[in-house]
Amino acid sequence: MEYTLKEGVTAYIEPSDKYKTVLIQYKFRTNFSGKTATERSLVKNMLETNSKRYPSQNEMDLKMASLYGATLHTQSQRFGKQHVVTLSLSVVNDKFIGGDDTLLEEAFAFLEEIIFRPNAADGKFHEKTFQREKENLNNYFESLIEDKSAYARTRLNHVLFEGTDQAFQGIGDAGFLKEISAGSLYECYEEMIGSDQLDILVSGDVAPERILKILDAQDLPGRRETAKEVFYFREKTAEPVNAGESQDINQGKLFFGFSSPVYYMNEHYFAGLVFDGLFGGFPHSKLFQNVREKESLAYTASSGLDFLRGVMTVGTGIEFEKRDQVEKIVLAQLRDMQAGDFPDELIAQTKNMLINHYKQNDDYQGRSLAKQYQDILIIEKPLSQEQWIAGLNAVTREQIIAVAEKMSLQAIFFLKGEAADE
């Protein structure tokens, strides 16, 4: 259920008796840029570390322990053309603890404390905490190179979106860190909590009236609404871009980027789900069976769709000398999909697996709330589970082929070993 609290401040309350916990999320949303994402990633780290009332991590942890083991989680993510900072608190429903019927109010008060009363004074964040968290974030950026598949995927994204802010990760980029000071970061924080679209999501066995009473007492300031424009439409290139890099590694990472017609809940969405499952999303897919199992050309081979930016990524882990063979066979699998070379029984198997995955999402409170938020931003009237399943089951062979035909290779990135250059 949706409730407008102030202009630009909306609460979405989803009462459900499926969960024994109440999950509370404050989501701050604005337009995405690499610089903004970096600043806001550092802001959410600062808020998660301490506050005015709880100036140390230990004091924060002790407070959460007193809330019957409440857990705090923060996230900084690119959401297509938007950037979202999420602060989440999960707390046991006070129906199950007996005697304490104010736990939910205490949990909201704690979350309000860490969001709106940070460890700051005189227009800047606490310097020692700031320097530590800035170094921690920089170290995190540097550590990303250790996961070679994730690194190759990041580099492919940079090639696909070169020259645009979409080339940056959802947490930003180390290159923007140098210019951030404790004062400038506090300005970013004030802009975020005072001007960003604020969506408050609550899931659990709770009465909406109780939540609204709590939020009304917080007296959240209104702000200008941020348009729900999340889709990014990338201009296609006539010829694919080949890029690469050498590192001291034992296994090559060959990644492909395709333009895709599949956006969340557009006319190709359900057919796109089935296509991806058949092409590289499941163990019975063409990439897994033909590239990895049958030909033994790759240690890993899979595909994935970006439903907000119209991109499909294929990732493989290979021996360096098999690079050309793998490229040929991966593209051959796409041509087979475009020719309709896939049996009806695999279409049915893929649909069944997708339905099972969809149903399982409702078993996890965080996933269920994430799907709800995606629906909030993109579609006016979310589909029921029955409607979603009916939409998937209605997908035809012809629709799957139509999706395959619209896939266009745009970029290839190859992370290879240094010895491969010799």
Protein backbone atom coordinates (compact mmCIF):
# COMPACT_ATOMS: atom_id res chain seq x y z
CA MET A 1 0.00 0.00 0.00
CA GLU A 2 1.26 3.43 -0.99
CA TYR A 3 1.05 6.51 1.26
CA THR A 4 2.22 10.01 0.33
CA LEU A 5 3.68 11.57 3.48
CA LYS A 6 5.01 14.80 1.96
CA GLU A 7 5.91 15.90 -1.53
CA GLY A 8 8.79 13.63 -2.57
CA VAL A 9 8.36 11.37 0.49
CA THR A 10 6.37 8.16 0.05
CA ALA A 11 5.82 5.14 2.26
CA TYR A 12 5.13 1.68 0.86
CA ILE A 13 3.84 -0.72 3.51
CA GLU A 14 3.49 -4.40 2.68
CA PRO A 15 1.80 -6.26 5.54
CA SER A 16 2.67 -9.98 5.43
CA ASP A 17 2.49 -12.76 7.98
CA LYS A 18 5.08 -14.81 6.08
CA TYR A 19 8.01 -13.31 7.97
CA LYS A 20 8.94 -13.18 11.65
CA THR A 21 10.97 -10.01 11.10
CA VAL A 22 10.06 -6.49 10.06
CA LEU A 23 12.29 -5.05 7.34
CA ILE A 24 12.52 -1.26 7.17
CA GLN A 25 14.22 0.49 4.26
CA TYR A 26 14.88 4.19 3.64
CA LYS A 27 15.79 4.71 -0.02
CA PHE A 28 17.27 7.99 -1.24
CA ARG A 29 17.10 8.35 -5.03
CA THR A 30 18.61 10.87 -7.44
CA ASN A 31 20.13 11.00 -10.92
CA PHE A 32 23.22 8.85 -11.45
CA SER A 33 26.73 10.10 -12.10
CA GLY A 34 30.12 8.59 -11.29
CA LYS A 35 31.03 11.44 -8.92
CA THR A 36 27.66 11.35 -7.14
CA ALA A 37 27.82 7.57 -6.74
CA THR A 38 31.29 7.78 -5.17
CA GLU A 39 30.28 10.49 -2.70
CA ARG A 40 27.08 8.72 -1.74
CA SER A 41 28.85 5.39 -1.28
CA LEU A 42 31.14 7.09 1.20
CA VAL A 43 28.17 8.79 2.88
CA LYS A 44 26.37 5.50 3.48
CA ASN A 45 29.58 4.01 4.91
CA MET A 46 29.84 6.95 7.30
CA LEU A 47 26.24 6.55 8.45
CA GLU A 48 26.65 2.81 8.97
CA THR A 49 29.77 3.28 11.12
CA ASN A 50 28.59 5.64 13.87
CA SER A 51 26.31 8.54 14.72
CA LYS A 52 26.07 11.49 17.09
CA ARG A 53 24.51 9.36 19.81
CA TYR A 54 26.52 6.21 19.03
CA PRO A 55 29.99 7.60 18.16
CA SER A 56 31.69 4.22 17.86
CA GLN A 57 30.99 0.98 16.02
CA ASN A 58 30.90 -0.83 19.35
CA GLU A 59 28.17 1.44 20.69
CA MET A 60 26.18 0.92 17.48
CA ASP A 61 26.53 -2.86 17.83
CA LEU A 62 25.48 -2.78 21.49
CA LYS A 63 22.37 -0.81 20.59
CA MET A 64 21.42 -3.30 17.85
CA ALA A 65 21.99 -6.16 20.30
CA SER A 66 19.55 -4.48 22.69
CA LEU A 67 17.03 -4.47 19.83
CA TYR A 68 17.00 -8.26 20.00
CA GLY A 69 19.78 -8.61 17.45
CA ALA A 70 18.59 -6.13 14.83
CA THR A 71 20.78 -6.01 11.72
CA LEU A 72 21.75 -2.90 9.78
CA HIS A 73 22.67 -2.99 6.10
CA THR A 74 23.44 -0.24 3.62
CA GLN A 75 23.72 -0.27 -0.17
CA SER A 76 24.83 2.11 -2.90
CA GLN A 77 23.62 1.07 -6.34
CA ARG A 78 23.14 2.29 -9.88
CA PHE A 79 19.55 1.75 -10.94
CA GLY A 80 19.72 2.49 -14.65
CA LYS A 81 19.77 6.29 -14.92
CA GLN A 82 19.19 6.68 -11.18
CA HIS A 83 21.32 6.15 -8.08
CA VAL A 84 19.82 4.74 -4.90
CA VAL A 85 21.27 4.70 -1.38
CA THR A 86 19.45 2.23 0.86
CA LEU A 87 19.63 2.00 4.63
CA SER A 88 17.91 -1.14 5.93
CA LEU A 89 17.13 -2.38 9.40
CA SER A 90 15.78 -5.84 10.06
CA VAL A 91 14.25 -6.41 13.49
CA VAL A 92 12.28 -9.28 14.99
CA ASN A 93 8.54 -8.68 15.12
CA ASP A 94 7.67 -7.74 18.70
CA LYS A 95 4.75 -10.18 18.52
CA PHE A 96 7.26 -12.96 19.06
CA ILE A 97 9.23 -11.63 22.02
CA GLY A 98 6.47 -11.11 24.58
CA GLY A 99 6.16 -8.18 26.91
CA ASP A 100 7.91 -5.57 24.73
CA ASP A 101 5.40 -4.05 22.35
CA THR A 102 7.49 -0.96 21.55
CA LEU A 103 10.37 -2.69 19.74
CA LEU A 104 9.23 -1.46 16.33
CA GLU A 105 9.13 2.14 17.57
CA GLU A 106 12.64 1.72 19.03
CA ALA A 107 13.90 0.28 15.75
CA PHE A 108 12.55 3.23 13.76
CA ALA A 109 14.05 5.64 16.30
CA PHE A 110 17.45 3.98 15.92
CA LEU A 111 17.30 4.14 12.13
CA GLU A 112 16.19 7.77 12.32
CA GLU A 113 19.16 8.49 14.61
CA ILE A 114 21.80 7.08 12.28
CA ILE A 115 20.29 8.65 9.15
CA PHE A 116 19.41 12.13 10.37
CA ARG A 117 21.86 12.71 13.24
CA PRO A 118 25.30 11.64 11.96
CA ASN A 119 28.61 12.04 13.76
CA ALA A 120 29.28 15.56 12.47
CA ALA A 121 29.84 19.10 13.73
CA ASP A 122 30.51 22.54 12.27
CA GLY A 123 29.41 21.51 8.79
CA LYS A 124 31.64 18.47 8.39
CA PHE A 125 31.84 14.81 9.30
CA HIS A 126 33.98 13.59 12.20
CA GLU A 127 37.48 13.83 10.69
CA LYS A 128 38.97 10.63 12.09
CA THR A 129 35.98 8.55 10.98
CA PHE A 130 36.00 10.26 7.59
CA GLN A 131 39.68 9.54 6.92
CA ARG A 132 39.27 5.90 7.95
CA GLU A 133 36.20 5.31 5.80
CA LYS A 134 37.72 7.12 2.84
CA GLU A 135 40.75 4.84 3.05
CA ASN A 136 38.51 1.79 3.46
CA LEU A 137 36.55 2.68 0.34
CA ASN A 138 39.74 3.27 -1.63
CA ASN A 139 41.04 -0.12 -0.47
CA TYR A 140 37.79 -1.69 -1.58
CA PHE A 141 38.14 -0.18 -5.06
CA GLU A 142 41.69 -1.56 -5.24
CA SER A 143 40.55 -5.01 -4.12
CA LEU A 144 38.06 -5.32 -6.98
CA ILE A 145 40.87 -6.31 -9.33
CA GLU A 146 41.34 -9.54 -7.34
CA ASP A 147 38.04 -11.00 -8.60
CA LYS A 148 39.05 -11.42 -12.22
CA SER A 149 35.58 -12.22 -13.57
CA ALA A 150 34.07 -9.19 -11.83
CA TYR A 151 36.98 -7.07 -13.04
CA ALA A 152 36.52 -8.20 -16.65
CA ARG A 153 32.80 -7.49 -16.41
CA THR A 154 33.57 -3.99 -15.09
CA ARG A 155 36.02 -3.34 -17.91
CA LEU A 156 33.48 -4.56 -20.48
CA ASN A 157 30.93 -2.17 -19.01
CA HIS A 158 33.44 0.65 -19.42
CA VAL A 159 33.91 -0.24 -23.09
CA LEU A 160 30.17 -0.48 -23.72
CA PHE A 161 29.39 2.87 -22.10
CA GLU A 162 32.63 4.76 -22.69
CA GLY A 163 32.20 8.51 -22.54
CA THR A 164 29.05 8.34 -20.39
CA ASP A 165 28.41 8.15 -16.67
CA GLN A 166 27.06 4.64 -17.22
CA ALA A 167 30.67 3.50 -17.57
CA PHE A 168 31.06 3.85 -13.79
CA GLN A 169 30.06 1.28 -11.21
CA GLY A 170 27.13 1.75 -8.88
CA ILE A 171 29.52 2.51 -6.00
CA GLY A 172 31.44 5.04 -8.09
CA ASP A 173 35.14 5.18 -8.89
CA ALA A 174 38.38 5.66 -6.97
CA GLY A 175 39.28 8.58 -9.24
CA PHE A 176 36.68 10.78 -7.55
CA LEU A 177 37.84 10.07 -4.00
CA LYS A 178 40.78 12.49 -3.93
CA GLU A 179 38.63 15.60 -4.15
CA ILE A 180 36.28 14.59 -1.31
CA SER A 181 36.81 16.25 2.09
CA ALA A 182 34.93 15.84 5.37
CA GLY A 183 33.21 19.16 4.61
CA SER A 184 32.29 18.48 0.98
CA LEU A 185 31.00 15.02 1.92
CA TYR A 186 28.74 16.55 4.56
CA GLU A 187 27.33 18.88 1.90
CA CYS A 188 26.60 15.81 -0.23
CA TYR A 189 24.92 14.17 2.76
CA GLU A 190 22.71 17.21 3.39
CA GLU A 191 21.75 17.28 -0.28
CA MET A 192 20.88 13.57 -0.13
CA ILE A 193 18.65 13.61 2.94
CA GLY A 194 17.10 16.99 2.18
CA SER A 195 16.53 16.86 -1.57
CA ASP A 196 16.54 13.23 -2.76
CA GLN A 197 13.33 11.43 -3.47
CA LEU A 198 12.73 9.43 -0.27
CA ASP A 199 10.90 6.12 -0.46
CA ILE A 200 10.30 4.22 2.79
CA LEU A 201 9.50 0.53 2.41
CA VAL A 202 8.26 -1.65 5.25
CA SER A 203 7.62 -5.39 5.06
CA GLY A 204 6.29 -7.63 7.84
CA ASP A 205 3.30 -8.54 9.95
CA VAL A 206 2.55 -4.97 11.00
CA ALA A 207 -0.44 -2.65 10.92
CA PRO A 208 -0.02 0.24 8.44
CA GLU A 209 -1.60 2.62 10.96
CA ARG A 210 1.21 1.91 13.42
CA ILE A 211 3.89 2.59 10.80
CA LEU A 212 2.23 5.81 9.64
CA LYS A 213 2.01 7.07 13.22
CA ILE A 214 5.76 6.47 13.66
CA LEU A 215 6.63 8.20 10.39
CA ASP A 216 4.34 11.14 11.12
CA ALA A 217 6.26 11.74 14.36
CA GLN A 218 9.53 11.90 12.41
CA ASP A 219 8.22 14.98 10.55
CA LEU A 220 10.27 14.28 7.45
CA PRO A 221 10.85 17.37 5.27
CA GLY A 222 9.20 17.48 1.85
CA ARG A 223 11.27 17.79 -1.33
CA ARG A 224 10.80 17.94 -5.08
CA GLU A 225 9.85 14.58 -6.56
CA THR A 226 12.44 12.81 -8.71
CA ALA A 227 11.00 11.48 -11.96
CA LYS A 228 10.89 7.71 -12.26
CA GLU A 229 13.12 7.67 -15.34
CA VAL A 230 15.34 4.64 -14.87
CA PHE A 231 15.78 3.14 -18.35
CA TYR A 232 18.99 3.99 -20.19
CA PHE A 233 18.92 3.61 -23.96
CA ARG A 234 22.40 3.11 -25.33
CA GLU A 235 23.24 4.02 -28.92
CA LYS A 236 24.30 0.94 -30.87
CA THR A 237 27.64 0.85 -32.67
CA ALA A 238 27.92 -0.41 -36.24
CA GLU A 239 30.94 -2.57 -35.46
CA PRO A 240 31.85 -4.30 -32.17
CA VAL A 241 34.74 -2.86 -30.19
CA ASN A 242 37.58 -5.23 -29.25
CA ALA A 243 39.49 -4.40 -26.07
CA GLY A 244 41.80 -6.28 -23.78
CA GLU A 245 44.30 -6.23 -20.96
CA SER A 246 47.13 -8.40 -19.67
CA GLN A 247 47.65 -9.44 -16.07
CA ASP A 248 49.53 -12.10 -14.16
CA ILE A 249 46.68 -14.64 -14.20
CA ASN A 250 46.26 -18.33 -14.98
CA GLN A 251 42.84 -18.24 -16.61
CA GLY A 252 41.60 -15.88 -19.31
CA LYS A 253 38.32 -14.01 -19.03
CA LEU A 254 36.55 -13.43 -22.33
CA PHE A 255 33.45 -11.25 -22.02
CA PHE A 256 30.94 -10.21 -24.69
CA GLY A 257 28.51 -7.29 -24.59
CA PHE A 258 25.39 -7.26 -26.77
CA SER A 259 22.69 -4.65 -27.20
CA SER A 260 19.39 -6.16 -26.08
CA PRO A 261 15.74 -5.29 -26.77
CA VAL A 262 14.73 -6.61 -23.34
CA TYR A 263 13.78 -4.03 -20.70
CA TYR A 264 11.88 -4.69 -17.50
CA MET A 265 8.25 -5.48 -18.31
CA ASN A 266 8.42 -4.27 -21.92
CA GLU A 267 6.96 -6.31 -24.79
CA HIS A 268 10.09 -8.49 -24.96
CA TYR A 269 10.47 -9.07 -21.21
CA PHE A 270 8.99 -12.54 -20.78
CA ALA A 271 10.43 -13.83 -24.06
CA GLY A 272 13.77 -12.35 -23.00
CA LEU A 273 13.70 -14.33 -19.75
CA VAL A 274 13.15 -17.58 -21.65
CA PHE A 275 15.76 -16.68 -24.27
CA ASP A 276 18.37 -15.99 -21.61
CA GLY A 277 17.61 -19.24 -19.82
CA LEU A 278 18.00 -21.18 -23.06
CA PHE A 279 21.07 -19.29 -24.22
CA GLY A 280 23.24 -19.10 -21.12
CA GLY A 281 21.27 -18.67 -17.92
CA PHE A 282 20.82 -22.30 -16.85
CA PRO A 283 22.89 -25.53 -16.84
CA HIS A 284 20.85 -26.86 -19.77
CA SER A 285 21.60 -23.73 -21.85
CA LYS A 286 23.51 -23.68 -25.12
CA LEU A 287 26.52 -21.88 -23.69
CA PHE A 288 26.87 -24.23 -20.75
CA GLN A 289 26.30 -27.40 -22.72
CA ASN A 290 28.15 -26.63 -25.95
CA VAL A 291 30.94 -24.27 -24.90
CA ARG A 292 31.70 -25.73 -21.48
CA GLU A 293 30.55 -29.36 -21.50
CA LYS A 294 30.63 -30.65 -25.09
CA GLU A 295 33.64 -28.76 -26.49
CA SER A 296 35.46 -28.20 -23.17
CA LEU A 297 36.47 -24.75 -24.38
CA ALA A 298 35.61 -22.89 -21.18
CA TYR A 299 35.69 -23.47 -17.44
CA THR A 300 32.64 -21.22 -17.13
CA ALA A 301 30.14 -19.87 -19.66
CA SER A 302 26.95 -17.96 -18.89
CA SER A 303 24.80 -15.04 -19.95
CA GLY A 304 22.82 -12.37 -18.15
CA LEU A 305 20.45 -9.52 -19.04
CA ASP A 306 20.50 -5.95 -17.79
CA PHE A 307 16.81 -5.05 -17.84
CA LEU A 308 17.41 -1.34 -17.16
CA ARG A 309 20.07 -0.56 -19.78
CA GLY A 310 19.28 -2.92 -22.68
CA VAL A 311 22.44 -5.02 -22.50
CA MET A 312 23.22 -8.75 -22.47
CA THR A 313 26.56 -9.91 -21.10
CA VAL A 314 28.22 -13.25 -21.80
CA GLY A 315 31.12 -14.26 -19.56
CA THR A 316 33.57 -17.12 -20.03
CA GLY A 317 36.67 -18.38 -18.23
CA ILE A 318 39.06 -19.92 -20.75
CA GLU A 319 42.60 -20.97 -21.56
CA PHE A 320 44.39 -18.10 -23.29
CA GLU A 321 45.07 -19.91 -26.56
CA LYS A 322 41.40 -20.83 -27.03
CA ARG A 323 40.24 -17.24 -27.32
CA ASP A 324 39.36 -17.37 -31.05
CA GLN A 325 37.66 -20.76 -30.76
CA VAL A 326 35.52 -19.59 -27.87
CA GLU A 327 34.47 -16.41 -29.69
CA LYS A 328 33.39 -18.42 -32.72
CA ILE A 329 31.39 -20.98 -30.77
CA VAL A 330 29.70 -18.40 -28.52
CA LEU A 331 28.51 -16.44 -31.55
CA ALA A 332 27.47 -19.71 -33.22
CA GLN A 333 25.18 -20.44 -30.25
CA LEU A 334 23.47 -17.08 -30.78
CA ARG A 335 23.02 -17.82 -34.47
CA ASP A 336 21.43 -21.14 -33.51
CA MET A 337 19.00 -19.32 -31.25
CA GLN A 338 18.18 -16.91 -34.08
CA ALA A 339 17.51 -19.92 -36.33
CA GLY A 340 15.19 -21.50 -33.77
CA ASP A 341 17.54 -24.38 -33.07
CA PHE A 342 16.26 -25.32 -29.60
CA PRO A 343 13.76 -28.06 -28.70
CA ASP A 344 10.30 -27.49 -27.27
CA GLU A 345 11.07 -29.58 -24.19
CA LEU A 346 13.87 -27.16 -23.23
CA ILE A 347 11.49 -24.23 -23.61
CA ALA A 348 9.13 -25.92 -21.15
CA GLN A 349 12.00 -26.79 -18.79
CA THR A 350 13.24 -23.19 -18.86
CA LYS A 351 9.79 -21.80 -18.10
CA ASN A 352 9.39 -24.18 -15.16
CA MET A 353 12.78 -23.19 -13.73
CA LEU A 354 12.00 -19.49 -14.10
CA ILE A 355 8.65 -19.95 -12.34
CA ASN A 356 10.31 -21.82 -9.48
CA HIS A 357 12.92 -19.06 -9.08
CA TYR A 358 10.18 -16.43 -9.14
CA LYS A 359 8.20 -18.19 -6.41
CA GLN A 360 11.31 -18.66 -4.29
CA ASN A 361 11.94 -14.90 -4.27
CA ASP A 362 8.84 -14.42 -2.13
CA ASP A 363 10.41 -16.67 0.52
CA TYR A 364 13.13 -14.08 1.10
CA GLN A 365 11.99 -10.78 2.57
CA GLY A 366 14.83 -8.74 1.08
CA ARG A 367 14.34 -10.10 -2.44
CA SER A 368 10.60 -9.62 -2.26
CA LEU A 369 11.03 -5.99 -1.21
CA ALA A 370 13.64 -5.39 -3.94
CA LYS A 371 11.18 -6.63 -6.56
CA GLN A 372 8.48 -4.40 -5.10
CA TYR A 373 10.76 -1.37 -5.36
CA GLN A 374 11.64 -2.20 -8.96
CA ASP A 375 7.93 -2.36 -9.75
CA ILE A 376 7.35 0.95 -7.96
CA LEU A 377 9.87 2.71 -10.17
CA ILE A 378 8.93 1.13 -13.48
CA ILE A 379 5.33 -0.04 -13.75
CA GLU A 380 2.13 1.57 -12.55
CA LYS A 381 0.33 -1.65 -11.63
CA PRO A 382 2.49 -4.60 -10.56
CA LEU A 383 1.51 -8.04 -11.81
CA SER A 384 0.17 -10.63 -9.43
CA GLN A 385 2.02 -13.94 -9.22
CA GLU A 386 -0.70 -15.54 -11.35
CA GLN A 387 -0.41 -12.81 -14.01
CA TRP A 388 3.38 -13.10 -14.07
CA ILE A 389 3.26 -16.87 -14.52
CA ALA A 390 0.61 -16.53 -17.22
CA GLY A 391 2.77 -13.98 -19.05
CA LEU A 392 5.76 -16.31 -18.98
CA ASN A 393 3.79 -19.38 -20.06
CA ALA A 394 2.35 -17.44 -23.00
CA VAL A 395 5.82 -16.97 -24.56
CA THR A 396 6.07 -18.59 -28.00
CA ARG A 397 9.00 -19.95 -29.98
CA GLU A 398 8.58 -17.09 -32.44
CA GLN A 399 8.89 -14.50 -29.68
CA ILE A 400 12.10 -16.12 -28.40
CA ILE A 401 13.56 -16.06 -31.92
CA ALA A 402 12.54 -12.39 -32.31
CA VAL A 403 14.50 -11.52 -29.16
CA ALA A 404 17.52 -13.49 -30.38
CA GLU A 405 17.45 -11.71 -33.73
CA LYS A 406 17.60 -8.32 -32.02
CA MET A 407 20.75 -9.19 -30.05
CA SER A 408 23.70 -7.33 -31.58
CA LEU A 409 27.36 -7.77 -30.60
CA GLN A 410 28.76 -4.44 -29.40
CA ALA A 411 31.98 -5.17 -27.51
CA ILE A 412 34.44 -7.89 -26.51
CA PHE A 413 36.86 -7.65 -23.62
CA PHE A 414 39.64 -10.20 -23.11
CA LEU A 415 41.61 -10.36 -19.88
CA LYS A 416 44.62 -12.52 -20.64
CA GLY A 417 47.87 -13.58 -19.02
CA GLU A 418 51.05 -11.65 -19.60
CA ALA A 419 52.69 -14.71 -21.13
CA ALA A 420 50.01 -14.70 -23.83
CA ASP A 421 51.62 -11.57 -25.28
CA GLU A 422 54.89 -13.31 -25.97
